Protein backbone atom coordinates (compact mmCIF):
# COMPACT_ATOMS: atom_id res chain seq x y z
CA UNK A 1 26.62 8.75 34.65
CA UNK A 2 27.97 5.97 36.86
CA UNK A 3 29.58 2.89 35.38
CA UNK A 4 27.06 0.08 35.05
CA UNK A 5 28.15 -3.45 35.77
CA UNK A 6 27.77 -6.53 33.61
CA UNK A 7 24.03 -6.97 34.20
CA UNK A 8 23.24 -3.27 34.25
CA UNK A 9 23.76 -2.89 38.00
CA UNK A 10 25.39 0.11 39.59
CA UNK A 11 28.40 -1.08 41.64
CA UNK A 12 27.96 -0.36 45.35
CA UNK A 13 24.22 0.28 45.08
CA UNK A 14 22.21 -1.10 47.97
CA UNK A 15 19.36 -3.38 47.07
CA UNK A 16 16.06 -3.92 48.78
CA UNK A 17 15.11 -0.27 49.31
CA UNK A 18 11.65 0.18 47.85
CA UNK A 19 10.85 3.32 45.91
CA UNK A 20 7.12 2.79 46.41
CA UNK A 21 5.40 2.83 49.76
CA UNK A 22 2.36 0.96 50.97
CA UNK A 23 0.15 3.98 50.23
CA UNK A 24 1.22 3.79 46.58
CA UNK A 25 0.25 0.12 46.42
CA UNK A 26 -3.14 0.87 47.99
CA UNK A 27 -3.71 3.64 45.45
CA UNK A 28 -2.98 1.22 42.61
CA UNK A 29 -5.41 -1.33 44.03
CA UNK A 30 -7.97 1.42 44.57
CA UNK A 31 -7.87 2.34 40.90
CA UNK A 32 -8.46 -1.21 39.67
CA UNK A 33 -10.92 -2.24 42.40
CA UNK A 34 -14.09 -1.14 40.52
CA UNK A 35 -13.06 -3.06 37.40
CA UNK A 36 -12.18 -6.13 39.45
CA UNK A 37 -15.51 -5.97 41.27
CA UNK A 38 -17.34 -5.74 37.94
CA UNK A 39 -15.56 -8.75 36.44
CA UNK A 40 -16.04 -10.82 39.61
CA UNK A 41 -19.76 -9.99 39.50
CA UNK A 42 -19.87 -11.07 35.84
CA UNK A 43 -18.18 -14.38 36.70
CA UNK A 44 -20.65 -15.00 39.55
CA UNK A 45 -23.63 -14.10 37.34
CA UNK A 46 -22.43 -16.38 34.53
CA UNK A 47 -21.73 -19.21 36.99
CA UNK A 48 -25.29 -18.97 38.37
CA UNK A 49 -26.69 -18.94 34.82
CA UNK A 50 -24.51 -21.93 33.90
CA UNK A 51 -25.70 -23.87 36.93
CA UNK A 52 -29.32 -23.21 35.96
CA UNK A 53 -28.85 -24.73 32.54
CA UNK A 54 -26.67 -22.25 30.71
CA UNK A 55 -24.98 -23.03 27.46
CA UNK A 56 -21.85 -22.20 25.53
CA UNK A 57 -22.42 -18.45 25.91
CA UNK A 58 -22.14 -18.60 29.69
CA UNK A 59 -18.93 -20.61 29.46
CA UNK A 60 -17.37 -18.01 27.18
CA UNK A 61 -18.65 -15.26 29.47
CA UNK A 62 -16.83 -16.88 32.41
CA UNK A 63 -13.67 -17.33 30.34
CA UNK A 64 -13.70 -13.74 29.08
CA UNK A 65 -14.36 -12.22 32.49
CA UNK A 66 -11.65 -14.38 34.06
CA UNK A 67 -9.15 -13.25 31.43
CA UNK A 68 -10.11 -9.62 32.11
CA UNK A 69 -9.54 -10.15 35.85
CA UNK A 70 -6.09 -11.57 35.12
CA UNK A 71 -5.35 -8.70 32.73
CA UNK A 72 -6.33 -6.10 35.34
CA UNK A 73 -4.14 -7.73 37.99
CA UNK A 74 -1.20 -7.95 35.59
CA UNK A 75 -1.73 -4.29 34.69
CA UNK A 76 -1.48 -3.34 38.35
CA UNK A 77 1.71 -5.38 38.62
CA UNK A 78 3.09 -3.52 35.59
CA UNK A 79 2.86 -0.25 37.50
CA UNK A 80 5.04 -1.64 40.27
CA UNK A 81 7.45 -3.39 37.90
CA UNK A 82 9.09 -0.21 36.60
CA UNK A 83 10.16 1.24 39.97
CA UNK A 84 11.28 -2.18 41.16
CA UNK A 85 13.53 -2.71 38.14
CA UNK A 86 14.99 0.77 38.45
CA UNK A 87 15.59 0.15 42.16
CA UNK A 88 17.42 -3.06 41.28
CA UNK A 89 19.82 -1.02 39.16
CA UNK A 90 18.82 -1.97 35.63
CA UNK A 91 19.56 0.42 32.77
CA UNK A 92 16.75 2.54 31.40
CA UNK A 93 16.88 0.81 28.00
CA UNK A 94 16.59 -2.61 29.64
CA UNK A 95 13.68 -1.43 31.77
CA UNK A 96 11.91 -0.03 28.70
CA UNK A 97 12.35 -3.29 26.80
CA UNK A 98 11.06 -5.36 29.72
CA UNK A 99 8.11 -3.02 30.23
CA UNK A 100 7.28 -3.15 26.51
CA UNK A 101 7.24 -6.95 26.44
CA UNK A 102 5.25 -7.17 29.66
CA UNK A 103 2.75 -4.61 28.34
CA UNK A 104 2.20 -6.59 25.18
CA UNK A 105 1.74 -9.76 27.26
CA UNK A 106 -0.99 -8.44 29.54
CA UNK A 107 -2.72 -6.51 26.74
CA UNK A 108 -2.94 -9.69 24.64
CA UNK A 109 -4.57 -11.43 27.60
CA UNK A 110 -7.04 -8.55 27.92
CA UNK A 111 -7.80 -8.68 24.21
CA UNK A 112 -8.42 -12.43 24.41
CA UNK A 113 -10.89 -11.71 27.21
CA UNK A 114 -12.70 -9.14 25.08
CA UNK A 115 -12.86 -11.60 22.17
CA UNK A 116 -14.39 -14.24 24.47
CA UNK A 117 -16.95 -11.73 25.76
CA UNK A 118 -17.94 -10.59 22.27
CA UNK A 119 -18.29 -14.21 21.15
CA UNK A 120 -20.43 -15.01 24.20
CA UNK A 121 -22.83 -12.18 23.43
CA UNK A 122 -22.88 -13.07 19.75
CA UNK A 123 -23.77 -16.69 20.52
CA UNK A 124 -26.45 -15.63 23.01
CA UNK A 125 -28.15 -13.10 20.74
CA UNK A 126 -27.83 -15.34 17.68
CA UNK A 127 -29.68 -18.09 19.54
CA UNK A 128 -32.29 -15.59 20.75
CA UNK A 129 -32.89 -14.24 17.22
CA UNK A 130 -33.27 -17.77 15.93
CA UNK A 131 -35.93 -18.52 18.58
CA UNK A 132 -37.80 -15.29 17.76
CA UNK A 133 -37.75 -16.00 14.03
CA UNK A 134 -38.83 -19.59 14.65
CA UNK A 135 -41.80 -18.48 16.81
CA UNK A 136 -42.85 -15.91 14.19
CA UNK A 137 -42.73 -18.57 11.49
CA UNK A 138 -44.88 -20.90 13.62
CA UNK A 139 -47.45 -18.14 14.17
CA UNK A 140 -47.60 -17.36 10.45
CA UNK A 141 -48.02 -21.01 9.50
CA UNK A 142 -50.79 -21.44 12.08
CA UNK A 143 -52.65 -18.41 10.67
CA UNK A 144 -52.38 -19.67 7.12
CA UNK A 145 -53.37 -23.27 7.91
CA UNK A 146 -57.15 -23.58 8.51
């Protein structure tokens, strides 16, 4: 094993040579493209609903879908982070630690997006159930009252 320098660099190693080609980057984007298209469609749908008089549920739907878009893009960047760090000459333990921290970061963002989405659906269906129960109560009181 070669001697690693102060910052984990291999002395005499040339920098700037990429281990991943443009085809690899396109493959990564191709794998996340369907998810990105879905979340963009959700944001557009929620924005249209919000413009037509939407409420808190649509705002949380936009926030959750936006966080999921960010999480997907950060996940794609995580795939390219490992080869880049290794190419820069970092030690394997340093690369693992950085990848672990980065993974936690983008997964927390994704989880926050899921929480916003669940809350948006909960608010929407809670309001809908309340309207249904209210209309049933009105019908029952009208039948009872002569």
